Each structure stands twice: as structure tokens, then as C-alpha cells.
Amino acid sequence: MSTPSNREILSAYRQLYKHCLRAVQYSKPARYTIRDRLRHQFRSGHPADLDLRRIENTLEFLRGAAREKGLEHQIVKNLTHVWYHEPKMVESRTKGEEGEVRIKITAYDPFYHTIRMLNESMGTCIR
């Protein structure tokens, strides 16, 4: 598999961003959360990790989320809701008793495991 060109990377970013905005219906906190996560993934990721087939599957998932308020829309809505509140939890990880800190550190492990399993079963690249 060859490394995608800069043009393909830019096109993938723009398509994902456009379809994400449509999926969250341009709602205020969700659009900024999606934008920040997408930027971080494309800036910190390696170009060789870009799988165009997975991106196309993700775009199809987002089209379904934008088309009607079904299961896809609920998944996107819940993902953005959790991602919006996650930084507040990360900031408070060091505050509290020892047991409470341990719970805060591992609180998102099942959530990200579920996303990994969703990506594996559907062939998407949601992160």
C-alpha cells in the first residue's frame, strides 16, 4: 500500500469535516468538538495510516447520520457529547482521593474499547 498524497489527505479531511458537520446538524458544541478532534487526528497521525476504504465507510456512516435521526445519528450525537465532556474529566484526574483518581483514569477505557470494536466491525475510522 502506497502513502497517500497530500491532495488525498486534504480531500479526506475536508470530506470528513463536511459530513461530520452535516451529521451533527451544525449544532454549536458538537461542531467545535468534531473540528478539534479531526484536526488533532490529522495533525498527529502518520500519512501511511490513512486507509481510503475506511474513510469511505466512515463517510457512508456519516451520510446515514445526516440523512435521518436513526441509530447512526444517535451514535454520533453520543460520541460528541462524551468527547465534549472528556477534557473536564482529564483536568480533574489528579484531584481527589487515591481510589477516585484511579476511577477517573480508567473511566474512558470501556468507551474507547467500544469505539475500537465499532471500527473493527464496520470498517470505519472513528477516533
C-alpha atoms as a PDB file:
ATOM      1  CA  MET A   1       0.000   0.000   0.000  1.00  0.00           C
ATOM      2  CA  SER A   2       1.447   3.353  -1.001  1.00  0.00           C
ATOM      3  CA  THR A   3       1.456   6.516   1.051  1.00  0.00           C
ATOM      4  CA  PRO A   4      -1.396   8.837   0.041  1.00  0.00           C
ATOM      5  CA  SER A   5      -0.508  12.167  -1.498  1.00  0.00           C
ATOM      6  CA  ASN A   6      -1.082  15.491   0.244  1.00  0.00           C
ATOM      7  CA  ARG A   7      -4.014  16.109  -2.059  1.00  0.00           C
ATOM      8  CA  GLU A   8      -5.701  12.851  -0.991  1.00  0.00           C
ATOM      9  CA  ILE A   9      -5.112  13.660   2.670  1.00  0.00           C
ATOM     10  CA  LEU A  10      -6.569  17.131   2.303  1.00  0.00           C
ATOM     11  CA  SER A  11      -9.546  15.790   0.379  1.00  0.00           C
ATOM     12  CA  ALA A  12     -10.199  13.148   3.049  1.00  0.00           C
ATOM     13  CA  TYR A  13     -10.024  15.783   5.802  1.00  0.00           C
ATOM     14  CA  ARG A  14     -12.432  18.097   4.005  1.00  0.00           C
ATOM     15  CA  GLN A  15     -14.914  15.359   3.211  1.00  0.00           C
ATOM     16  CA  LEU A  16     -14.874  14.028   6.766  1.00  0.00           C
ATOM     17  CA  TYR A  17     -15.288  17.516   8.214  1.00  0.00           C
ATOM     18  CA  LYS A  18     -18.145  18.374   5.867  1.00  0.00           C
ATOM     19  CA  HIS A  19     -20.023  15.151   6.563  1.00  0.00           C
ATOM     20  CA  CYS A  20     -19.406  15.403  10.317  1.00  0.00           C
ATOM     21  CA  LEU A  21     -20.939  18.884  10.334  1.00  0.00           C
ATOM     22  CA  ARG A  22     -23.956  17.595   8.483  1.00  0.00           C
ATOM     23  CA  ALA A  23     -24.267  14.648  10.873  1.00  0.00           C
ATOM     24  CA  VAL A  24     -24.320  16.891  13.954  1.00  0.00           C
ATOM     25  CA  GLN A  25     -26.549  19.355  12.101  1.00  0.00           C
ATOM     26  CA  TYR A  26     -24.092  22.201  12.724  1.00  0.00           C
ATOM     27  CA  SER A  27     -25.024  22.317  16.426  1.00  0.00           C
ATOM     28  CA  LYS A  28     -22.723  24.574  18.404  1.00  0.00           C
ATOM     29  CA  PRO A  29     -20.836  22.481  20.908  1.00  0.00           C
ATOM     30  CA  ALA A  30     -20.745  19.411  18.646  1.00  0.00           C
ATOM     31  CA  ARG A  31     -19.267  21.153  15.603  1.00  0.00           C
ATOM     32  CA  TYR A  32     -16.353  22.558  17.605  1.00  0.00           C
ATOM     33  CA  THR A  33     -15.725  19.231  19.305  1.00  0.00           C
ATOM     34  CA  ILE A  34     -15.703  17.424  15.951  1.00  0.00           C
ATOM     35  CA  ARG A  35     -13.437  20.058  14.405  1.00  0.00           C
ATOM     36  CA  ASP A  36     -10.898  19.857  17.213  1.00  0.00           C
ATOM     37  CA  ARG A  37     -10.793  16.044  17.236  1.00  0.00           C
ATOM     38  CA  LEU A  38     -10.495  15.818  13.463  1.00  0.00           C
ATOM     39  CA  ARG A  39      -7.697  18.397  13.405  1.00  0.00           C
ATOM     40  CA  HIS A  40      -5.821  16.575  16.136  1.00  0.00           C
ATOM     41  CA  GLN A  41      -6.117  13.212  14.356  1.00  0.00           C
ATOM     42  CA  PHE A  42      -4.885  14.557  11.021  1.00  0.00           C
ATOM     43  CA  ARG A  43      -2.067  16.613  12.546  1.00  0.00           C
ATOM     44  CA  SER A  44      -0.739  13.931  14.862  1.00  0.00           C
ATOM     45  CA  GLY A  45      -1.375  10.921  12.618  1.00  0.00           C
ATOM     46  CA  HIS A  46       1.044   9.450  10.111  1.00  0.00           C
ATOM     47  CA  PRO A  47       0.081   9.718   6.406  1.00  0.00           C
ATOM     48  CA  ALA A  48       0.730   5.997   5.888  1.00  0.00           C
ATOM     49  CA  ASP A  49      -2.052   5.218   8.399  1.00  0.00           C
ATOM     50  CA  LEU A  50      -4.653   6.774   6.101  1.00  0.00           C
ATOM     51  CA  ASP A  51      -6.866   3.999   4.722  1.00  0.00           C
ATOM     52  CA  LEU A  52      -9.124   5.322   1.976  1.00  0.00           C
ATOM     53  CA  ARG A  53     -11.501   2.351   2.220  1.00  0.00           C
ATOM     54  CA  ARG A  54     -12.087   3.009   5.924  1.00  0.00           C
ATOM     55  CA  ILE A  55     -12.614   6.693   5.215  1.00  0.00           C
ATOM     56  CA  GLU A  56     -15.227   5.868   2.578  1.00  0.00           C
ATOM     57  CA  ASN A  57     -17.017   3.583   5.073  1.00  0.00           C
ATOM     58  CA  THR A  58     -16.917   6.368   7.665  1.00  0.00           C
ATOM     59  CA  LEU A  59     -18.342   8.836   5.153  1.00  0.00           C
ATOM     60  CA  GLU A  60     -21.179   6.428   4.414  1.00  0.00           C
ATOM     61  CA  PHE A  61     -21.860   6.126   8.155  1.00  0.00           C
ATOM     62  CA  LEU A  62     -21.914   9.929   8.479  1.00  0.00           C
ATOM     63  CA  ARG A  63     -24.224  10.244   5.471  1.00  0.00           C
ATOM     64  CA  GLY A  64     -26.644   7.927   7.234  1.00  0.00           C
ATOM     65  CA  ALA A  65     -26.369  10.003  10.409  1.00  0.00           C
ATOM     66  CA  ALA A  66     -27.158  13.176   8.486  1.00  0.00           C
ATOM     67  CA  ARG A  67     -29.977  11.650   6.433  1.00  0.00           C
ATOM     68  CA  GLU A  68     -32.278  10.629   9.271  1.00  0.00           C
ATOM     69  CA  LYS A  69     -32.398  10.545  13.042  1.00  0.00           C
ATOM     70  CA  GLY A  70     -31.774   6.846  13.332  1.00  0.00           C
ATOM     71  CA  LEU A  71     -29.125   4.750  15.008  1.00  0.00           C
ATOM     72  CA  GLU A  72     -26.203   6.424  13.222  1.00  0.00           C
ATOM     73  CA  HIS A  73     -27.345   9.869  14.299  1.00  0.00           C
ATOM     74  CA  GLN A  74     -27.706   8.743  17.925  1.00  0.00           C
ATOM     75  CA  ILE A  75     -24.205   7.234  17.876  1.00  0.00           C
ATOM     76  CA  VAL A  76     -22.662  10.437  16.515  1.00  0.00           C
ATOM     77  CA  LYS A  77     -24.631  12.537  18.985  1.00  0.00           C
ATOM     78  CA  ASN A  78     -23.499  10.423  21.949  1.00  0.00           C
ATOM     79  CA  LEU A  79     -19.881  10.350  20.780  1.00  0.00           C
ATOM     80  CA  THR A  80     -19.719  14.122  20.503  1.00  0.00           C
ATOM     81  CA  HIS A  81     -21.400  14.503  23.879  1.00  0.00           C
ATOM     82  CA  VAL A  82     -18.790  12.302  25.593  1.00  0.00           C
ATOM     83  CA  TRP A  83     -15.900  13.921  23.716  1.00  0.00           C
ATOM     84  CA  TYR A  84     -17.157  17.367  24.734  1.00  0.00           C
ATOM     85  CA  HIS A  85     -17.076  16.480  28.443  1.00  0.00           C
ATOM     86  CA  GLU A  86     -13.872  14.409  28.360  1.00  0.00           C
ATOM     87  CA  PRO A  87     -11.368  17.309  28.777  1.00  0.00           C
ATOM     88  CA  LYS A  88     -13.062  18.341  32.015  1.00  0.00           C
ATOM     89  CA  MET A  89     -12.568  14.825  33.351  1.00  0.00           C
ATOM     90  CA  VAL A  90      -8.921  14.788  32.241  1.00  0.00           C
ATOM     91  CA  GLU A  91      -8.245  18.059  34.078  1.00  0.00           C
ATOM     92  CA  SER A  92      -9.731  16.712  37.295  1.00  0.00           C
ATOM     93  CA  ARG A  93      -7.800  13.412  37.227  1.00  0.00           C
ATOM     94  CA  THR A  94      -5.259  14.488  39.807  1.00  0.00           C
ATOM     95  CA  LYS A  95      -7.808  15.880  42.255  1.00  0.00           C
ATOM     96  CA  GLY A  96      -9.431  13.731  44.896  1.00  0.00           C
ATOM     97  CA  GLU A  97      -8.605  10.625  46.867  1.00  0.00           C
ATOM     98  CA  GLU A  98      -6.481   7.776  45.550  1.00  0.00           C
ATOM     99  CA  GLY A  99      -9.400   5.494  44.650  1.00  0.00           C
ATOM    100  CA  GLU A 100     -11.257   8.328  42.975  1.00  0.00           C
ATOM    101  CA  VAL A 101      -8.219   9.234  40.853  1.00  0.00           C
ATOM    102  CA  ARG A 102      -7.870   5.589  39.759  1.00  0.00           C
ATOM    103  CA  ILE A 103     -11.509   5.541  38.655  1.00  0.00           C
ATOM    104  CA  LYS A 104     -11.086   8.785  36.708  1.00  0.00           C
ATOM    105  CA  ILE A 105      -8.023   7.447  34.896  1.00  0.00           C
ATOM    106  CA  THR A 106      -9.797   4.298  33.696  1.00  0.00           C
ATOM    107  CA  ALA A 107     -13.263   5.800  33.188  1.00  0.00           C
ATOM    108  CA  TYR A 108     -12.963   6.094  29.416  1.00  0.00           C
ATOM    109  CA  ASP A 109     -11.390   2.675  28.763  1.00  0.00           C
ATOM    110  CA  PRO A 110     -14.713   0.874  28.049  1.00  0.00           C
ATOM    111  CA  PHE A 111     -15.841   3.786  25.870  1.00  0.00           C
ATOM    112  CA  TYR A 112     -12.754   3.639  23.656  1.00  0.00           C
ATOM    113  CA  HIS A 113     -12.897  -0.156  23.565  1.00  0.00           C
ATOM    114  CA  THR A 114     -16.447   0.096  22.220  1.00  0.00           C
ATOM    115  CA  ILE A 115     -15.293   2.557  19.546  1.00  0.00           C
ATOM    116  CA  ARG A 116     -12.466   0.179  18.540  1.00  0.00           C
ATOM    117  CA  MET A 117     -14.948  -2.681  18.220  1.00  0.00           C
ATOM    118  CA  LEU A 118     -17.331  -0.485  16.193  1.00  0.00           C
ATOM    119  CA  ASN A 119     -14.477   0.453  13.861  1.00  0.00           C
ATOM    120  CA  GLU A 120     -13.445  -3.179  13.501  1.00  0.00           C
ATOM    121  CA  SER A 121     -16.923  -4.467  12.752  1.00  0.00           C
ATOM    122  CA  MET A 122     -17.941  -1.668  10.362  1.00  0.00           C
ATOM    123  CA  GLY A 123     -14.555  -0.915   8.807  1.00  0.00           C
ATOM    124  CA  THR A 124     -14.691   2.735   9.849  1.00  0.00           C
ATOM    125  CA  CYS A 125     -12.062   5.093  11.261  1.00  0.00           C
ATOM    126  CA  ILE A 126     -13.862   6.858  14.115  1.00  0.00           C
ATOM    127  CA  ARG A 127     -11.398   8.076  16.753  1.00  0.00           C
END
